[in-house]
């Protein structure tokens, strides 16, 4: 065996080792990015659960004042329950595009019913002055702001992950490692992109 052949084997082996290390590095980066967006969704989930706990309390306080608005109160609870179920499914699989789309749809419906509910509540002066209602309103407003920030962080993490999955050579590793594109959490109706307004 000649010295030239030995050098070629050593150089070829070194190149293969460097390529393997680079592929492992790309794979690990995809894993880290996936974990980041899953953690970002967990932050949304915490705030959504807080909101889902506040809404029945808000409706319960309003029941005493809004006796003739039973249909609206029931619609709020129904939309809250649907959003809560969609939120649980998305929390179990934050990388599942269908679960994220279902959550987005449910959140849009909940925002619509909450807007109607809060609009009707303004017609009841005693309700607007109720201390429990004011306290719940303040908590809900704070929670809505936190949800908005958490959603932005989630969408940023998903975008970074998707870019890594779709860019070359990461797309090769993503295909090999079965990393699928993640879905952004967006509100589908432009008028409802704002957090629920809770002012009395």
C-alpha atoms as a PDB file:
ATOM      1  CA  UNK A   1       0.000   0.000   0.000  1.00  0.00           C
ATOM      2  CA  UNK A   2       1.508   3.297  -1.082  1.00  0.00           C
ATOM      3  CA  UNK A   3       1.762   6.408   1.035  1.00  0.00           C
ATOM      4  CA  UNK A   4      -0.489   8.274  -1.420  1.00  0.00           C
ATOM      5  CA  UNK A   5      -3.272   5.758  -0.884  1.00  0.00           C
ATOM      6  CA  UNK A   6      -2.924   6.024   2.902  1.00  0.00           C
ATOM      7  CA  UNK A   7      -3.125   9.825   2.701  1.00  0.00           C
ATOM      8  CA  UNK A   8      -6.212   9.574   0.456  1.00  0.00           C
ATOM      9  CA  UNK A   9      -7.904   7.169   2.914  1.00  0.00           C
ATOM     10  CA  UNK A  10      -7.089   9.417   5.878  1.00  0.00           C
ATOM     11  CA  UNK A  11      -8.299  12.561   4.066  1.00  0.00           C
ATOM     12  CA  UNK A  12     -11.440  10.771   2.830  1.00  0.00           C
ATOM     13  CA  UNK A  13     -12.140   9.479   6.325  1.00  0.00           C
ATOM     14  CA  UNK A  14     -11.647  12.961   7.796  1.00  0.00           C
ATOM     15  CA  UNK A  15     -14.039  14.466   5.237  1.00  0.00           C
ATOM     16  CA  UNK A  16     -16.654  11.771   5.946  1.00  0.00           C
ATOM     17  CA  UNK A  17     -16.282  12.370   9.687  1.00  0.00           C
ATOM     18  CA  UNK A  18     -16.702  16.143   9.237  1.00  0.00           C
ATOM     19  CA  UNK A  19     -19.805  15.619   7.065  1.00  0.00           C
ATOM     20  CA  UNK A  20     -21.250  13.250   9.655  1.00  0.00           C
ATOM     21  CA  UNK A  21     -20.561  15.744  12.455  1.00  0.00           C
ATOM     22  CA  UNK A  22     -22.199  18.501  10.378  1.00  0.00           C
ATOM     23  CA  UNK A  23     -25.295  16.326   9.772  1.00  0.00           C
ATOM     24  CA  UNK A  24     -25.504  15.536  13.501  1.00  0.00           C
ATOM     25  CA  UNK A  25     -25.186  19.263  14.258  1.00  0.00           C
ATOM     26  CA  UNK A  26     -28.057  20.072  11.855  1.00  0.00           C
ATOM     27  CA  UNK A  27     -30.200  17.319  13.380  1.00  0.00           C
ATOM     28  CA  UNK A  28     -29.529  18.575  16.913  1.00  0.00           C
ATOM     29  CA  UNK A  29     -30.365  22.125  15.841  1.00  0.00           C
ATOM     30  CA  UNK A  30     -33.742  20.932  14.491  1.00  0.00           C
ATOM     31  CA  UNK A  31     -34.420  19.115  17.765  1.00  0.00           C
ATOM     32  CA  UNK A  32     -33.570  22.269  19.740  1.00  0.00           C
ATOM     33  CA  UNK A  33     -35.795  24.459  17.545  1.00  0.00           C
ATOM     34  CA  UNK A  34     -38.673  21.997  17.811  1.00  0.00           C
ATOM     35  CA  UNK A  35     -38.341  21.957  21.594  1.00  0.00           C
ATOM     36  CA  UNK A  36     -38.303  25.776  21.634  1.00  0.00           C
ATOM     37  CA  UNK A  37     -41.587  26.109  19.777  1.00  0.00           C
ATOM     38  CA  UNK A  38     -43.152  23.380  21.909  1.00  0.00           C
ATOM     39  CA  UNK A  39     -42.043  25.247  25.028  1.00  0.00           C
ATOM     40  CA  UNK A  40     -43.386  28.484  23.564  1.00  0.00           C
ATOM     41  CA  UNK A  41     -46.750  26.794  23.078  1.00  0.00           C
ATOM     42  CA  UNK A  42     -46.648  25.618  26.694  1.00  0.00           C
ATOM     43  CA  UNK A  43     -46.457  29.301  27.689  1.00  0.00           C
ATOM     44  CA  UNK A  44     -49.575  30.026  25.616  1.00  0.00           C
ATOM     45  CA  UNK A  45     -51.291  27.025  27.170  1.00  0.00           C
ATOM     46  CA  UNK A  46     -50.693  28.358  30.699  1.00  0.00           C
ATOM     47  CA  UNK A  47     -52.348  31.674  29.816  1.00  0.00           C
ATOM     48  CA  UNK A  48     -55.203  30.041  27.900  1.00  0.00           C
ATOM     49  CA  UNK A  49     -55.991  27.852  30.915  1.00  0.00           C
ATOM     50  CA  UNK A  50     -56.047  30.954  33.098  1.00  0.00           C
ATOM     51  CA  UNK A  51     -58.491  32.622  30.697  1.00  0.00           C
ATOM     52  CA  UNK A  52     -60.645  29.485  30.501  1.00  0.00           C
ATOM     53  CA  UNK A  53     -60.871  29.582  34.318  1.00  0.00           C
ATOM     54  CA  UNK A  54     -61.795  33.288  34.365  1.00  0.00           C
ATOM     55  CA  UNK A  55     -64.576  33.150  31.774  1.00  0.00           C
ATOM     56  CA  UNK A  56     -67.030  30.990  33.798  1.00  0.00           C
ATOM     57  CA  UNK A  57     -66.450  33.278  36.806  1.00  0.00           C
ATOM     58  CA  UNK A  58     -67.188  36.304  34.654  1.00  0.00           C
ATOM     59  CA  UNK A  59     -70.371  34.694  33.320  1.00  0.00           C
ATOM     60  CA  UNK A  60     -71.424  33.663  36.840  1.00  0.00           C
ATOM     61  CA  UNK A  61     -71.113  37.242  38.102  1.00  0.00           C
ATOM     62  CA  UNK A  62     -73.011  38.522  35.061  1.00  0.00           C
ATOM     63  CA  UNK A  63     -75.850  35.975  35.455  1.00  0.00           C
ATOM     64  CA  UNK A  64     -77.367  37.870  38.357  1.00  0.00           C
ATOM     65  CA  UNK A  65     -77.541  41.062  36.303  1.00  0.00           C
ATOM     66  CA  UNK A  66     -78.161  39.705  32.799  1.00  0.00           C
ATOM     67  CA  UNK A  67     -81.085  37.377  33.433  1.00  0.00           C
ATOM     68  CA  UNK A  68     -82.604  38.044  30.018  1.00  0.00           C
ATOM     69  CA  UNK A  69     -79.379  37.284  28.132  1.00  0.00           C
ATOM     70  CA  UNK A  70     -79.329  33.530  28.774  1.00  0.00           C
ATOM     71  CA  UNK A  71     -78.593  32.681  25.131  1.00  0.00           C
ATOM     72  CA  UNK A  72     -75.516  34.901  25.112  1.00  0.00           C
ATOM     73  CA  UNK A  73     -74.263  33.505  28.420  1.00  0.00           C
ATOM     74  CA  UNK A  74     -74.681  29.948  27.147  1.00  0.00           C
ATOM     75  CA  UNK A  75     -72.912  30.830  23.886  1.00  0.00           C
ATOM     76  CA  UNK A  76     -69.933  32.168  25.849  1.00  0.00           C
ATOM     77  CA  UNK A  77     -69.671  28.988  27.929  1.00  0.00           C
ATOM     78  CA  UNK A  78     -70.086  26.804  24.833  1.00  0.00           C
ATOM     79  CA  UNK A  79     -67.361  28.714  22.950  1.00  0.00           C
ATOM     80  CA  UNK A  80     -65.133  28.583  26.036  1.00  0.00           C
ATOM     81  CA  UNK A  81     -65.579  24.805  26.275  1.00  0.00           C
ATOM     82  CA  UNK A  82     -64.820  24.328  22.574  1.00  0.00           C
ATOM     83  CA  UNK A  83     -61.683  26.489  22.844  1.00  0.00           C
ATOM     84  CA  UNK A  84     -60.626  24.622  25.986  1.00  0.00           C
ATOM     85  CA  UNK A  85     -60.950  21.245  24.194  1.00  0.00           C
ATOM     86  CA  UNK A  86     -59.057  22.545  21.173  1.00  0.00           C
ATOM     87  CA  UNK A  87     -56.409  23.970  23.504  1.00  0.00           C
ATOM     88  CA  UNK A  88     -55.933  20.605  25.200  1.00  0.00           C
ATOM     89  CA  UNK A  89     -55.535  18.868  21.835  1.00  0.00           C
ATOM     90  CA  UNK A  90     -53.013  21.488  20.691  1.00  0.00           C
ATOM     91  CA  UNK A  91     -51.105  21.281  23.994  1.00  0.00           C
ATOM     92  CA  UNK A  92     -50.803  17.515  23.556  1.00  0.00           C
ATOM     93  CA  UNK A  93     -49.430  17.970  20.010  1.00  0.00           C
ATOM     94  CA  UNK A  94     -48.198  21.553  19.409  1.00  0.00           C
ATOM     95  CA  UNK A  95     -46.450  20.398  16.235  1.00  0.00           C
ATOM     96  CA  UNK A  96     -49.691  19.109  14.703  1.00  0.00           C
ATOM     97  CA  UNK A  97     -50.889  21.674  12.143  1.00  0.00           C
ATOM     98  CA  UNK A  98     -54.499  20.460  12.368  1.00  0.00           C
ATOM     99  CA  UNK A  99     -54.577  20.871  16.153  1.00  0.00           C
ATOM    100  CA  UNK A 100     -53.175  24.410  15.883  1.00  0.00           C
ATOM    101  CA  UNK A 101     -55.677  25.340  13.132  1.00  0.00           C
ATOM    102  CA  UNK A 102     -58.541  23.960  15.241  1.00  0.00           C
ATOM    103  CA  UNK A 103     -57.349  25.997  18.217  1.00  0.00           C
ATOM    104  CA  UNK A 104     -57.133  29.107  16.054  1.00  0.00           C
ATOM    105  CA  UNK A 105     -60.700  28.581  14.824  1.00  0.00           C
ATOM    106  CA  UNK A 106     -62.013  27.938  18.348  1.00  0.00           C
ATOM    107  CA  UNK A 107     -60.204  30.999  19.704  1.00  0.00           C
ATOM    108  CA  UNK A 108     -61.688  33.139  16.935  1.00  0.00           C
ATOM    109  CA  UNK A 109     -65.185  31.919  17.845  1.00  0.00           C
ATOM    110  CA  UNK A 110     -64.522  32.547  21.549  1.00  0.00           C
ATOM    111  CA  UNK A 111     -63.290  36.073  20.836  1.00  0.00           C
ATOM    112  CA  UNK A 112     -66.481  36.761  18.884  1.00  0.00           C
ATOM    113  CA  UNK A 113     -68.788  35.542  21.646  1.00  0.00           C
ATOM    114  CA  UNK A 114     -66.778  37.382  24.318  1.00  0.00           C
ATOM    115  CA  UNK A 115     -67.037  40.598  22.304  1.00  0.00           C
ATOM    116  CA  UNK A 116     -70.825  40.185  22.079  1.00  0.00           C
ATOM    117  CA  UNK A 117     -71.061  39.303  25.786  1.00  0.00           C
ATOM    118  CA  UNK A 118     -68.988  42.282  26.906  1.00  0.00           C
ATOM    119  CA  UNK A 119     -70.942  44.591  24.594  1.00  0.00           C
ATOM    120  CA  UNK A 120     -74.212  43.461  26.165  1.00  0.00           C
ATOM    121  CA  UNK A 121     -72.747  43.747  29.665  1.00  0.00           C
ATOM    122  CA  UNK A 122     -72.168  47.465  29.100  1.00  0.00           C
ATOM    123  CA  UNK A 123     -75.937  47.961  29.023  1.00  0.00           C
ATOM    124  CA  UNK A 124     -76.143  46.984  32.705  1.00  0.00           C
ATOM    125  CA  UNK A 125     -74.842  49.834  34.916  1.00  0.00           C
ATOM    126  CA  UNK A 126     -75.011  47.781  38.124  1.00  0.00           C
ATOM    127  CA  UNK A 127     -72.916  45.068  36.505  1.00  0.00           C
ATOM    128  CA  UNK A 128     -70.353  47.598  35.269  1.00  0.00           C
ATOM    129  CA  UNK A 129     -69.952  48.887  38.841  1.00  0.00           C
ATOM    130  CA  UNK A 130     -69.782  45.439  40.479  1.00  0.00           C
ATOM    131  CA  UNK A 131     -66.436  44.971  42.253  1.00  0.00           C
ATOM    132  CA  UNK A 132     -66.170  41.284  41.353  1.00  0.00           C
ATOM    133  CA  UNK A 133     -66.809  42.094  37.697  1.00  0.00           C
ATOM    134  CA  UNK A 134     -64.195  44.856  37.754  1.00  0.00           C
ATOM    135  CA  UNK A 135     -61.650  42.522  39.332  1.00  0.00           C
ATOM    136  CA  UNK A 136     -62.348  39.749  36.811  1.00  0.00           C
ATOM    137  CA  UNK A 137     -62.192  42.283  33.986  1.00  0.00           C
ATOM    138  CA  UNK A 138     -58.744  43.397  35.129  1.00  0.00           C
ATOM    139  CA  UNK A 139     -57.494  39.807  35.368  1.00  0.00           C
ATOM    140  CA  UNK A 140     -58.916  38.957  31.948  1.00  0.00           C
ATOM    141  CA  UNK A 141     -57.308  42.000  30.348  1.00  0.00           C
ATOM    142  CA  UNK A 142     -53.942  41.079  31.868  1.00  0.00           C
ATOM    143  CA  UNK A 143     -54.325  37.479  30.708  1.00  0.00           C
ATOM    144  CA  UNK A 144     -55.249  38.582  27.177  1.00  0.00           C
ATOM    145  CA  UNK A 145     -52.050  40.655  27.002  1.00  0.00           C
ATOM    146  CA  UNK A 146     -49.981  37.685  28.190  1.00  0.00           C
ATOM    147  CA  UNK A 147     -51.644  35.431  25.604  1.00  0.00           C
ATOM    148  CA  UNK A 148     -50.805  37.935  22.885  1.00  0.00           C
ATOM    149  CA  UNK A 149     -47.124  38.056  23.887  1.00  0.00           C
ATOM    150  CA  UNK A 150     -46.935  34.262  24.255  1.00  0.00           C
ATOM    151  CA  UNK A 151     -48.542  33.783  20.828  1.00  0.00           C
ATOM    152  CA  UNK A 152     -45.960  36.108  19.292  1.00  0.00           C
ATOM    153  CA  UNK A 153     -43.107  34.156  20.930  1.00  0.00           C
ATOM    154  CA  UNK A 154     -44.627  30.878  19.707  1.00  0.00           C
ATOM    155  CA  UNK A 155     -44.986  32.153  16.145  1.00  0.00           C
ATOM    156  CA  UNK A 156     -41.381  33.419  16.196  1.00  0.00           C
ATOM    157  CA  UNK A 157     -40.150  30.008  17.391  1.00  0.00           C
ATOM    158  CA  UNK A 158     -42.253  28.203  14.764  1.00  0.00           C
ATOM    159  CA  UNK A 159     -40.888  30.483  12.031  1.00  0.00           C
ATOM    160  CA  UNK A 160     -37.276  29.749  13.052  1.00  0.00           C
ATOM    161  CA  UNK A 161     -38.021  26.031  13.134  1.00  0.00           C
ATOM    162  CA  UNK A 162     -39.762  26.085   9.738  1.00  0.00           C
ATOM    163  CA  UNK A 163     -36.892  28.029   8.159  1.00  0.00           C
ATOM    164  CA  UNK A 164     -34.416  25.442   9.458  1.00  0.00           C
ATOM    165  CA  UNK A 165     -36.617  22.604   8.140  1.00  0.00           C
ATOM    166  CA  UNK A 166     -37.076  24.143   4.704  1.00  0.00           C
ATOM    167  CA  UNK A 167     -33.561  25.498   4.049  1.00  0.00           C
ATOM    168  CA  UNK A 168     -30.856  23.417   2.414  1.00  0.00           C
ATOM    169  CA  UNK A 169     -29.172  21.277   3.768  1.00  0.00           C
ATOM    170  CA  UNK A 170     -31.469  21.272   6.807  1.00  0.00           C
ATOM    171  CA  UNK A 171     -34.365  20.108   4.624  1.00  0.00           C
ATOM    172  CA  UNK A 172     -32.458  16.898   3.860  1.00  0.00           C
ATOM    173  CA  UNK A 173     -31.918  16.205   7.553  1.00  0.00           C
ATOM    174  CA  UNK A 174     -35.531  17.249   8.321  1.00  0.00           C
ATOM    175  CA  UNK A 175     -36.815  14.758   5.763  1.00  0.00           C
ATOM    176  CA  UNK A 176     -34.568  12.038   7.113  1.00  0.00           C
ATOM    177  CA  UNK A 177     -35.516  12.788  10.723  1.00  0.00           C
ATOM    178  CA  UNK A 178     -39.220  13.240   9.901  1.00  0.00           C
ATOM    179  CA  UNK A 179     -39.360  16.831  11.127  1.00  0.00           C
ATOM    180  CA  UNK A 180     -42.598  18.256   9.742  1.00  0.00           C
ATOM    181  CA  UNK A 181     -43.453  21.890   9.178  1.00  0.00           C
ATOM    182  CA  UNK A 182     -45.230  23.475  12.160  1.00  0.00           C
ATOM    183  CA  UNK A 183     -48.298  25.738  11.968  1.00  0.00           C
ATOM    184  CA  UNK A 184     -48.412  29.354  13.127  1.00  0.00           C
ATOM    185  CA  UNK A 185     -51.127  30.217  15.642  1.00  0.00           C
ATOM    186  CA  UNK A 186     -53.101  32.969  13.972  1.00  0.00           C
ATOM    187  CA  UNK A 187     -56.523  34.484  14.405  1.00  0.00           C
ATOM    188  CA  UNK A 188     -58.376  34.018  11.130  1.00  0.00           C
ATOM    189  CA  UNK A 189     -60.617  37.101  11.177  1.00  0.00           C
ATOM    190  CA  UNK A 190     -58.624  40.371  10.890  1.00  0.00           C
ATOM    191  CA  UNK A 191     -61.138  42.255  13.082  1.00  0.00           C
ATOM    192  CA  UNK A 192     -60.495  39.766  15.872  1.00  0.00           C
ATOM    193  CA  UNK A 193     -56.717  39.923  15.868  1.00  0.00           C
ATOM    194  CA  UNK A 194     -56.880  42.251  18.848  1.00  0.00           C
ATOM    195  CA  UNK A 195     -57.254  40.866  22.380  1.00  0.00           C
ATOM    196  CA  UNK A 196     -60.746  40.849  23.818  1.00  0.00           C
ATOM    197  CA  UNK A 197     -61.621  44.367  24.968  1.00  0.00           C
ATOM    198  CA  UNK A 198     -62.833  44.254  28.549  1.00  0.00           C
ATOM    199  CA  UNK A 199     -63.869  47.773  29.462  1.00  0.00           C
ATOM    200  CA  UNK A 200     -66.840  48.803  31.526  1.00  0.00           C
END
